[in-house]
Amino acid sequence: MPIQADSYLTLHYRLASPEGETFVSTFDLSPATLQMGGGQLAPQLEARLIGLQEGEHRVFDLLPEEAFGAVNPRLVERIARSALPTDVVLRENAIVEFSTPEGKPFSGFLRALSDTRATFDFNHPLAGKHIRFEVKIIAVL
């Protein structure tokens, strides 16, 4: 049975650079089980899975705009430290978790920190990168 937009599936996957630097991989771990459209994989990656069948092993080389998009300079923001929540631990080169006023979580990468300002990058960490997306479909439910 081919993968459809609402399928449950079990798979191994790897996100890597074209040169072989692995960012995420389940190949040395237990396989992942997910529901298509459930948010476990980015929609642009899920789109590559549609139509694949149990047992298939594929590699997709994706340009930045086909993967996580280009780096958007408008998503890099300088924020006054006084405007940040006091319960947030700030460390350069760390991911900081925030909540919207509606309570939805989002995160930013703290690029620089001074006594008065923090510079956050809210782009996806893989934005602007060519991605090699490797999958091995174990089961389609």
C-alpha atoms as a PDB file:
ATOM      1  CA  MET A   1       0.000   0.000   0.000  1.00  0.00           C
ATOM      2  CA  PRO A   2       1.536   3.368  -0.970  1.00  0.00           C
ATOM      3  CA  ILE A   3       1.897   6.176   1.551  1.00  0.00           C
ATOM      4  CA  GLN A   4      -0.996   8.630   1.452  1.00  0.00           C
ATOM      5  CA  ALA A   5      -1.513  12.035   3.083  1.00  0.00           C
ATOM      6  CA  ASP A   6      -3.174  10.433   6.152  1.00  0.00           C
ATOM      7  CA  SER A   7      -1.118   7.217   6.464  1.00  0.00           C
ATOM      8  CA  TYR A   8       0.525   5.954   9.630  1.00  0.00           C
ATOM      9  CA  LEU A   9       4.007   4.692   8.917  1.00  0.00           C
ATOM     10  CA  THR A  10       7.179   3.384  10.466  1.00  0.00           C
ATOM     11  CA  LEU A  11      10.438   4.469   8.898  1.00  0.00           C
ATOM     12  CA  HIS A  12      14.065   5.287   9.338  1.00  0.00           C
ATOM     13  CA  TYR A  13      15.150   8.719   8.164  1.00  0.00           C
ATOM     14  CA  ARG A  14      18.253  10.855   8.023  1.00  0.00           C
ATOM     15  CA  LEU A  15      18.712  14.568   7.398  1.00  0.00           C
ATOM     16  CA  ALA A  16      22.265  15.350   6.330  1.00  0.00           C
ATOM     17  CA  SER A  17      24.319  17.762   4.305  1.00  0.00           C
ATOM     18  CA  PRO A  18      25.282  16.694   0.772  1.00  0.00           C
ATOM     19  CA  GLU A  19      28.825  16.220   2.148  1.00  0.00           C
ATOM     20  CA  GLY A  20      27.563  13.669   4.670  1.00  0.00           C
ATOM     21  CA  GLU A  21      27.315  15.660   7.927  1.00  0.00           C
ATOM     22  CA  THR A  22      24.330  14.110   9.730  1.00  0.00           C
ATOM     23  CA  PHE A  23      21.932  16.479  11.480  1.00  0.00           C
ATOM     24  CA  VAL A  24      19.311  13.905  12.548  1.00  0.00           C
ATOM     25  CA  SER A  25      19.133  10.149  12.024  1.00  0.00           C
ATOM     26  CA  THR A  26      17.109   7.208  13.287  1.00  0.00           C
ATOM     27  CA  PHE A  27      19.141   4.623  11.364  1.00  0.00           C
ATOM     28  CA  ASP A  28      21.222   3.728  14.440  1.00  0.00           C
ATOM     29  CA  LEU A  29      18.188   3.934  16.740  1.00  0.00           C
ATOM     30  CA  SER A  30      14.664   2.578  16.817  1.00  0.00           C
ATOM     31  CA  PRO A  31      12.631   3.571  13.756  1.00  0.00           C
ATOM     32  CA  ALA A  32      10.185   6.454  13.959  1.00  0.00           C
ATOM     33  CA  THR A  33       6.436   5.926  13.791  1.00  0.00           C
ATOM     34  CA  LEU A  34       4.327   8.860  12.693  1.00  0.00           C
ATOM     35  CA  GLN A  35       1.073   9.922  11.155  1.00  0.00           C
ATOM     36  CA  MET A  36       1.364  11.908   7.963  1.00  0.00           C
ATOM     37  CA  GLY A  37       0.144  15.439   8.597  1.00  0.00           C
ATOM     38  CA  GLY A  38       0.726  15.082  12.342  1.00  0.00           C
ATOM     39  CA  GLY A  39       3.637  17.519  12.487  1.00  0.00           C
ATOM     40  CA  GLN A  40       6.418  15.056  13.326  1.00  0.00           C
ATOM     41  CA  LEU A  41       8.094  15.745   9.965  1.00  0.00           C
ATOM     42  CA  ALA A  42       8.076  19.025   8.084  1.00  0.00           C
ATOM     43  CA  PRO A  43       5.349  19.129   5.393  1.00  0.00           C
ATOM     44  CA  GLN A  44       7.928  19.542   2.610  1.00  0.00           C
ATOM     45  CA  LEU A  45       9.620  16.303   3.742  1.00  0.00           C
ATOM     46  CA  GLU A  46       6.317  14.461   4.101  1.00  0.00           C
ATOM     47  CA  ALA A  47       5.483  15.444   0.516  1.00  0.00           C
ATOM     48  CA  ARG A  48       8.483  13.367  -0.662  1.00  0.00           C
ATOM     49  CA  LEU A  49       7.011  10.288   1.073  1.00  0.00           C
ATOM     50  CA  ILE A  50       3.647  10.316  -0.734  1.00  0.00           C
ATOM     51  CA  GLY A  51       3.451   7.300  -3.024  1.00  0.00           C
ATOM     52  CA  LEU A  52       6.407   5.411  -1.516  1.00  0.00           C
ATOM     53  CA  GLN A  53       5.750   1.840  -0.458  1.00  0.00           C
ATOM     54  CA  GLU A  54       6.839  -0.494   2.296  1.00  0.00           C
ATOM     55  CA  GLY A  55      10.455  -1.573   1.818  1.00  0.00           C
ATOM     56  CA  GLU A  56      11.477   1.396  -0.335  1.00  0.00           C
ATOM     57  CA  HIS A  57      14.770   3.117   0.444  1.00  0.00           C
ATOM     58  CA  ARG A  58      15.168   6.543  -1.188  1.00  0.00           C
ATOM     59  CA  VAL A  59      17.462   9.552  -1.015  1.00  0.00           C
ATOM     60  CA  PHE A  60      16.249  13.044  -1.934  1.00  0.00           C
ATOM     61  CA  ASP A  61      18.673  15.916  -2.482  1.00  0.00           C
ATOM     62  CA  LEU A  62      16.791  19.096  -1.651  1.00  0.00           C
ATOM     63  CA  LEU A  63      17.679  22.711  -2.355  1.00  0.00           C
ATOM     64  CA  PRO A  64      17.112  25.094   0.580  1.00  0.00           C
ATOM     65  CA  GLU A  65      13.790  26.300  -0.840  1.00  0.00           C
ATOM     66  CA  GLU A  66      12.625  22.658  -1.138  1.00  0.00           C
ATOM     67  CA  ALA A  67      13.677  21.851   2.422  1.00  0.00           C
ATOM     68  CA  PHE A  68      13.553  24.446   5.208  1.00  0.00           C
ATOM     69  CA  GLY A  69      13.643  27.603   3.109  1.00  0.00           C
ATOM     70  CA  ALA A  70      16.155  30.375   2.717  1.00  0.00           C
ATOM     71  CA  VAL A  71      17.458  32.289   5.708  1.00  0.00           C
ATOM     72  CA  ASN A  72      15.103  35.207   6.305  1.00  0.00           C
ATOM     73  CA  PRO A  73      17.030  38.159   7.767  1.00  0.00           C
ATOM     74  CA  ARG A  74      13.767  39.569   9.152  1.00  0.00           C
ATOM     75  CA  LEU A  75      13.659  36.575  11.515  1.00  0.00           C
ATOM     76  CA  VAL A  76      16.862  37.731  13.222  1.00  0.00           C
ATOM     77  CA  GLU A  77      15.826  40.155  15.958  1.00  0.00           C
ATOM     78  CA  ARG A  78      17.583  42.232  18.584  1.00  0.00           C
ATOM     79  CA  ILE A  79      15.510  42.310  21.750  1.00  0.00           C
ATOM     80  CA  ALA A  80      16.106  44.405  24.851  1.00  0.00           C
ATOM     81  CA  ARG A  81      16.991  42.177  27.794  1.00  0.00           C
ATOM     82  CA  SER A  82      14.445  44.068  29.880  1.00  0.00           C
ATOM     83  CA  ALA A  83      11.705  42.820  27.493  1.00  0.00           C
ATOM     84  CA  LEU A  84      12.621  39.161  28.017  1.00  0.00           C
ATOM     85  CA  PRO A  85      10.986  36.983  30.667  1.00  0.00           C
ATOM     86  CA  THR A  86      13.064  36.919  33.843  1.00  0.00           C
ATOM     87  CA  ASP A  87      12.608  33.156  34.238  1.00  0.00           C
ATOM     88  CA  VAL A  88      14.405  32.408  30.940  1.00  0.00           C
ATOM     89  CA  VAL A  89      18.059  31.328  31.191  1.00  0.00           C
ATOM     90  CA  LEU A  90      20.078  33.162  28.527  1.00  0.00           C
ATOM     91  CA  ARG A  91      23.242  31.588  27.093  1.00  0.00           C
ATOM     92  CA  GLU A  92      24.827  32.389  23.740  1.00  0.00           C
ATOM     93  CA  ASN A  93      24.589  29.621  21.117  1.00  0.00           C
ATOM     94  CA  ALA A  94      21.614  28.034  22.877  1.00  0.00           C
ATOM     95  CA  ILE A  95      17.989  27.461  21.949  1.00  0.00           C
ATOM     96  CA  VAL A  96      15.580  29.500  24.068  1.00  0.00           C
ATOM     97  CA  GLU A  97      11.939  28.471  24.377  1.00  0.00           C
ATOM     98  CA  PHE A  98       9.184  31.103  24.363  1.00  0.00           C
ATOM     99  CA  SER A  99       5.389  31.139  24.353  1.00  0.00           C
ATOM    100  CA  THR A 100       3.063  33.315  22.311  1.00  0.00           C
ATOM    101  CA  PRO A 101       0.358  35.255  24.180  1.00  0.00           C
ATOM    102  CA  GLU A 102      -1.960  32.380  23.196  1.00  0.00           C
ATOM    103  CA  GLY A 103       0.400  29.890  24.885  1.00  0.00           C
ATOM    104  CA  LYS A 104       1.843  28.295  21.727  1.00  0.00           C
ATOM    105  CA  PRO A 105       5.518  27.366  22.071  1.00  0.00           C
ATOM    106  CA  PHE A 106       8.249  28.592  19.723  1.00  0.00           C
ATOM    107  CA  SER A 107      11.994  28.810  19.999  1.00  0.00           C
ATOM    108  CA  GLY A 108      14.856  30.992  18.903  1.00  0.00           C
ATOM    109  CA  PHE A 109      18.609  30.566  18.697  1.00  0.00           C
ATOM    110  CA  LEU A 110      20.445  33.064  20.891  1.00  0.00           C
ATOM    111  CA  ARG A 111      23.264  34.299  18.651  1.00  0.00           C
ATOM    112  CA  ALA A 112      24.639  37.173  20.761  1.00  0.00           C
ATOM    113  CA  LEU A 113      24.128  38.568  24.230  1.00  0.00           C
ATOM    114  CA  SER A 114      25.171  41.867  25.805  1.00  0.00           C
ATOM    115  CA  ASP A 115      24.249  43.587  29.040  1.00  0.00           C
ATOM    116  CA  THR A 116      21.336  45.320  27.332  1.00  0.00           C
ATOM    117  CA  ARG A 117      20.352  43.243  24.262  1.00  0.00           C
ATOM    118  CA  ALA A 118      19.965  39.715  22.986  1.00  0.00           C
ATOM    119  CA  THR A 119      20.088  38.782  19.293  1.00  0.00           C
ATOM    120  CA  PHE A 120      17.804  35.864  18.417  1.00  0.00           C
ATOM    121  CA  ASP A 121      17.561  33.945  15.154  1.00  0.00           C
ATOM    122  CA  PHE A 122      14.046  32.569  14.659  1.00  0.00           C
ATOM    123  CA  ASN A 123      14.865  30.827  11.347  1.00  0.00           C
ATOM    124  CA  HIS A 124      14.739  27.033  11.276  1.00  0.00           C
ATOM    125  CA  PRO A 125      18.240  25.745  12.174  1.00  0.00           C
ATOM    126  CA  LEU A 126      18.495  24.087   8.732  1.00  0.00           C
ATOM    127  CA  ALA A 127      17.226  27.121   6.782  1.00  0.00           C
ATOM    128  CA  GLY A 128      19.506  28.026   3.887  1.00  0.00           C
ATOM    129  CA  LYS A 129      21.058  24.560   3.741  1.00  0.00           C
ATOM    130  CA  HIS A 130      20.997  21.927   1.014  1.00  0.00           C
ATOM    131  CA  ILE A 131      19.559  18.800   2.629  1.00  0.00           C
ATOM    132  CA  ARG A 132      19.951  15.134   1.815  1.00  0.00           C
ATOM    133  CA  PHE A 133      16.790  13.395   3.063  1.00  0.00           C
ATOM    134  CA  GLU A 134      17.198   9.613   3.231  1.00  0.00           C
ATOM    135  CA  VAL A 135      14.264   7.342   4.109  1.00  0.00           C
ATOM    136  CA  LYS A 136      13.658   3.624   4.447  1.00  0.00           C
ATOM    137  CA  ILE A 137       9.971   2.779   4.726  1.00  0.00           C
ATOM    138  CA  ILE A 138       9.454  -0.121   7.130  1.00  0.00           C
ATOM    139  CA  ALA A 139       5.666  -0.290   7.330  1.00  0.00           C
ATOM    140  CA  VAL A 140       2.630   1.603   6.073  1.00  0.00           C
ATOM    141  CA  LEU A 141      -0.500   1.200   8.177  1.00  0.00           C
END
